[in-house]
C-alpha cells in the first residue's frame, strides 16, 4: 500500500470518529431531554431512572466465570 492510500485511510478513520462523536452527542441530548420530560411530567422520578440505569448496567456487565467450577 502506498503512502497516499495510508494517509487517506487515516483521514477516513478520523472522519468516522468525528461522525461517531457527533451521533453520541445527539443521542446524549435526546436521552437527557427524555429523562427531564419523564421527571417533569411525573411519569418517573429521578430515583426510578437511577435504579433502572443501575439494573440495566448490571445486566449488561459481563461477570467473570466462577473459578471454582
N, C-alpha and C. Protein backbone atom coordinates (compact mmCIF):
# COMPACT_ATOMS: atom_id res chain seq x y z
N UNK A 1 0.86 -1.18 0.00
CA UNK A 1 0.00 0.00 0.00
C UNK A 1 0.90 1.23 0.00
N UNK A 2 0.60 2.17 -0.85
CA UNK A 2 1.47 3.34 -0.91
C UNK A 2 1.10 4.35 0.18
N UNK A 3 1.96 5.32 0.33
CA UNK A 3 1.81 6.30 1.42
C UNK A 3 0.53 7.12 1.28
N UNK A 4 0.14 7.44 0.06
CA UNK A 4 -1.07 8.25 -0.14
C UNK A 4 -2.29 7.48 0.36
N UNK A 5 -2.37 6.19 0.02
CA UNK A 5 -3.51 5.39 0.48
C UNK A 5 -3.52 5.27 2.00
N UNK A 6 -2.34 5.14 2.60
CA UNK A 6 -2.26 5.07 4.06
C UNK A 6 -2.80 6.35 4.69
N UNK A 7 -2.42 7.48 4.14
CA UNK A 7 -2.89 8.76 4.67
C UNK A 7 -4.39 8.92 4.47
N UNK A 8 -4.88 8.50 3.31
CA UNK A 8 -6.32 8.58 3.06
C UNK A 8 -7.10 7.68 4.01
N UNK A 9 -6.54 6.51 4.32
CA UNK A 9 -7.19 5.63 5.29
C UNK A 9 -7.24 6.28 6.67
N UNK A 10 -6.16 6.96 7.05
CA UNK A 10 -6.14 7.66 8.33
C UNK A 10 -7.18 8.77 8.37
N UNK A 11 -7.28 9.53 7.29
CA UNK A 11 -8.28 10.60 7.21
C UNK A 11 -9.68 10.01 7.31
N UNK A 12 -9.90 8.88 6.65
CA UNK A 12 -11.21 8.22 6.71
C UNK A 12 -11.54 7.79 8.14
N UNK A 13 -10.58 7.22 8.86
CA UNK A 13 -10.80 6.82 10.26
C UNK A 13 -11.13 8.03 11.12
N UNK A 14 -10.43 9.12 10.91
CA UNK A 14 -10.67 10.34 11.68
C UNK A 14 -12.08 10.87 11.40
N UNK A 15 -12.50 10.83 10.14
CA UNK A 15 -13.84 11.28 9.78
C UNK A 15 -14.91 10.40 10.41
N UNK A 16 -14.68 9.09 10.42
CA UNK A 16 -15.63 8.18 11.04
C UNK A 16 -15.73 8.43 12.55
N UNK A 17 -14.61 8.69 13.18
CA UNK A 17 -14.61 9.00 14.61
C UNK A 17 -15.38 10.29 14.88
N UNK A 18 -15.19 11.28 14.05
CA UNK A 18 -15.92 12.55 14.21
C UNK A 18 -17.42 12.32 14.05
N UNK A 19 -17.81 11.48 13.10
CA UNK A 19 -19.23 11.16 12.92
C UNK A 19 -19.79 10.47 14.15
N UNK A 20 -19.03 9.53 14.73
CA UNK A 20 -19.49 8.84 15.93
C UNK A 20 -19.64 9.81 17.10
N UNK A 21 -18.70 10.73 17.25
CA UNK A 21 -18.79 11.71 18.33
C UNK A 21 -20.03 12.58 18.15
N UNK A 22 -20.32 12.96 16.92
CA UNK A 22 -21.49 13.78 16.63
C UNK A 22 -22.78 13.01 16.96
N UNK A 23 -22.84 11.75 16.57
CA UNK A 23 -24.02 10.93 16.85
C UNK A 23 -24.18 10.72 18.36
N UNK A 24 -23.07 10.49 19.05
CA UNK A 24 -23.11 10.31 20.50
C UNK A 24 -23.63 11.57 21.19
N UNK A 25 -23.19 12.72 20.74
CA UNK A 25 -23.65 13.99 21.30
C UNK A 25 -25.16 14.14 21.14
N UNK A 26 -25.66 13.86 19.94
CA UNK A 26 -27.10 13.99 19.70
C UNK A 26 -27.90 12.97 20.51
N UNK A 27 -27.39 11.75 20.62
CA UNK A 27 -28.07 10.74 21.43
C UNK A 27 -28.09 11.15 22.90
N UNK A 28 -27.00 11.73 23.38
CA UNK A 28 -26.96 12.20 24.77
C UNK A 28 -27.98 13.30 25.00
N UNK A 29 -28.11 14.22 24.05
CA UNK A 29 -29.11 15.28 24.17
C UNK A 29 -30.52 14.70 24.22
N UNK A 30 -30.79 13.74 23.36
CA UNK A 30 -32.11 13.12 23.30
C UNK A 30 -32.44 12.41 24.61
N UNK A 31 -31.51 11.63 25.13
CA UNK A 31 -31.74 10.91 26.38
C UNK A 31 -31.95 11.89 27.53
N UNK A 32 -31.16 12.94 27.59
CA UNK A 32 -31.31 13.95 28.64
C UNK A 32 -32.68 14.61 28.56
N UNK A 33 -33.11 14.97 27.36
CA UNK A 33 -34.42 15.60 27.19
C UNK A 33 -35.54 14.66 27.61
N UNK A 34 -35.44 13.39 27.22
CA UNK A 34 -36.47 12.42 27.60
C UNK A 34 -36.54 12.22 29.11
N UNK A 35 -35.39 12.13 29.75
CA UNK A 35 -35.36 11.97 31.21
C UNK A 35 -36.00 13.18 31.88
N UNK A 36 -35.62 14.36 31.44
CA UNK A 36 -36.19 15.58 32.04
C UNK A 36 -37.70 15.63 31.85
N UNK A 37 -38.20 15.24 30.68
CA UNK A 37 -39.64 15.23 30.44
C UNK A 37 -40.35 14.20 31.32
N UNK A 38 -39.79 13.02 31.45
CA UNK A 38 -40.40 11.99 32.29
C UNK A 38 -40.50 12.45 33.74
N UNK A 39 -39.45 13.08 34.24
CA UNK A 39 -39.46 13.57 35.62
C UNK A 39 -40.41 14.75 35.75
N UNK A 40 -40.34 15.68 34.81
CA UNK A 40 -41.17 16.88 34.85
C UNK A 40 -42.66 16.54 34.81
N UNK A 41 -43.03 15.53 34.03
CA UNK A 41 -44.44 15.16 33.91
C UNK A 41 -44.88 14.19 35.00
N UNK A 42 -43.97 13.82 35.88
CA UNK A 42 -44.31 12.94 36.99
C UNK A 42 -44.49 11.48 36.60
N UNK A 43 -44.02 11.11 35.43
CA UNK A 43 -44.14 9.73 34.98
C UNK A 43 -43.14 8.85 35.71
N UNK A 44 -41.96 9.36 35.92
CA UNK A 44 -40.90 8.66 36.66
C UNK A 44 -40.19 9.67 37.53
N UNK A 45 -39.56 9.17 38.59
CA UNK A 45 -38.74 10.03 39.43
C UNK A 45 -37.28 9.85 39.01
N UNK A 46 -36.46 10.77 39.45
CA UNK A 46 -35.03 10.66 39.18
C UNK A 46 -34.49 9.38 39.81
N UNK A 47 -35.03 9.02 40.96
CA UNK A 47 -34.61 7.78 41.65
C UNK A 47 -34.98 6.55 40.81
N UNK A 48 -36.20 6.54 40.24
CA UNK A 48 -36.61 5.43 39.38
C UNK A 48 -35.63 5.25 38.22
N UNK A 49 -35.25 6.34 37.63
CA UNK A 49 -34.34 6.29 36.48
C UNK A 49 -32.96 5.81 36.92
N UNK A 50 -32.50 6.27 38.08
CA UNK A 50 -31.19 5.84 38.58
C UNK A 50 -31.19 4.34 38.86
N UNK A 51 -32.26 3.84 39.48
CA UNK A 51 -32.36 2.41 39.78
C UNK A 51 -32.39 1.59 38.49
N UNK A 52 -33.21 2.03 37.54
CA UNK A 52 -33.31 1.31 36.27
C UNK A 52 -31.97 1.32 35.53
N UNK A 53 -31.28 2.44 35.57
CA UNK A 53 -29.96 2.53 34.92
C UNK A 53 -28.98 1.56 35.55
N UNK A 54 -28.99 1.49 36.88
CA UNK A 54 -28.09 0.57 37.58
C UNK A 54 -28.42 -0.88 37.24
N UNK A 55 -29.71 -1.20 37.16
CA UNK A 55 -30.12 -2.57 36.82
C UNK A 55 -29.70 -2.92 35.39
N UNK A 56 -29.92 -2.00 34.47
CA UNK A 56 -29.52 -2.26 33.08
C UNK A 56 -28.00 -2.40 32.96
N UNK A 57 -27.28 -1.55 33.67
CA UNK A 57 -25.82 -1.62 33.64
C UNK A 57 -25.34 -2.97 34.17
N UNK A 58 -25.94 -3.41 35.27
CA UNK A 58 -25.56 -4.70 35.85
C UNK A 58 -25.88 -5.86 34.91
N UNK A 59 -27.00 -5.76 34.21
CA UNK A 59 -27.38 -6.85 33.31
C UNK A 59 -26.49 -6.92 32.07
N UNK A 60 -25.90 -5.81 31.68
CA UNK A 60 -25.04 -5.79 30.50
C UNK A 60 -23.56 -5.95 30.85
N UNK A 61 -23.22 -5.91 32.13
CA UNK A 61 -21.83 -6.05 32.54
C UNK A 61 -21.47 -7.52 32.62
N UNK A 62 -20.48 -7.96 31.85
CA UNK A 62 -20.12 -9.38 31.91
C UNK A 62 -19.54 -9.74 33.28
N UNK A 63 -19.93 -10.90 33.73
CA UNK A 63 -19.43 -11.38 35.01
C UNK A 63 -18.32 -12.40 34.75
N UNK A 64 -17.26 -12.34 35.54
CA UNK A 64 -16.19 -13.33 35.34
C UNK A 64 -16.70 -14.73 35.68
N UNK A 65 -16.17 -15.71 35.02
CA UNK A 65 -16.56 -17.09 35.28
C UNK A 65 -16.13 -17.48 36.69
N UNK A 66 -16.90 -18.35 37.30
CA UNK A 66 -16.60 -18.83 38.65
C UNK A 66 -15.36 -19.72 38.57
N UNK A 67 -14.27 -19.33 39.24
CA UNK A 67 -13.02 -20.11 39.14
C UNK A 67 -13.10 -21.47 39.84
N UNK A 68 -14.12 -21.67 40.68
CA UNK A 68 -14.23 -22.95 41.40
C UNK A 68 -14.92 -24.02 40.58
N UNK A 69 -15.49 -23.65 39.42
CA UNK A 69 -16.20 -24.64 38.60
C UNK A 69 -15.26 -25.39 37.70
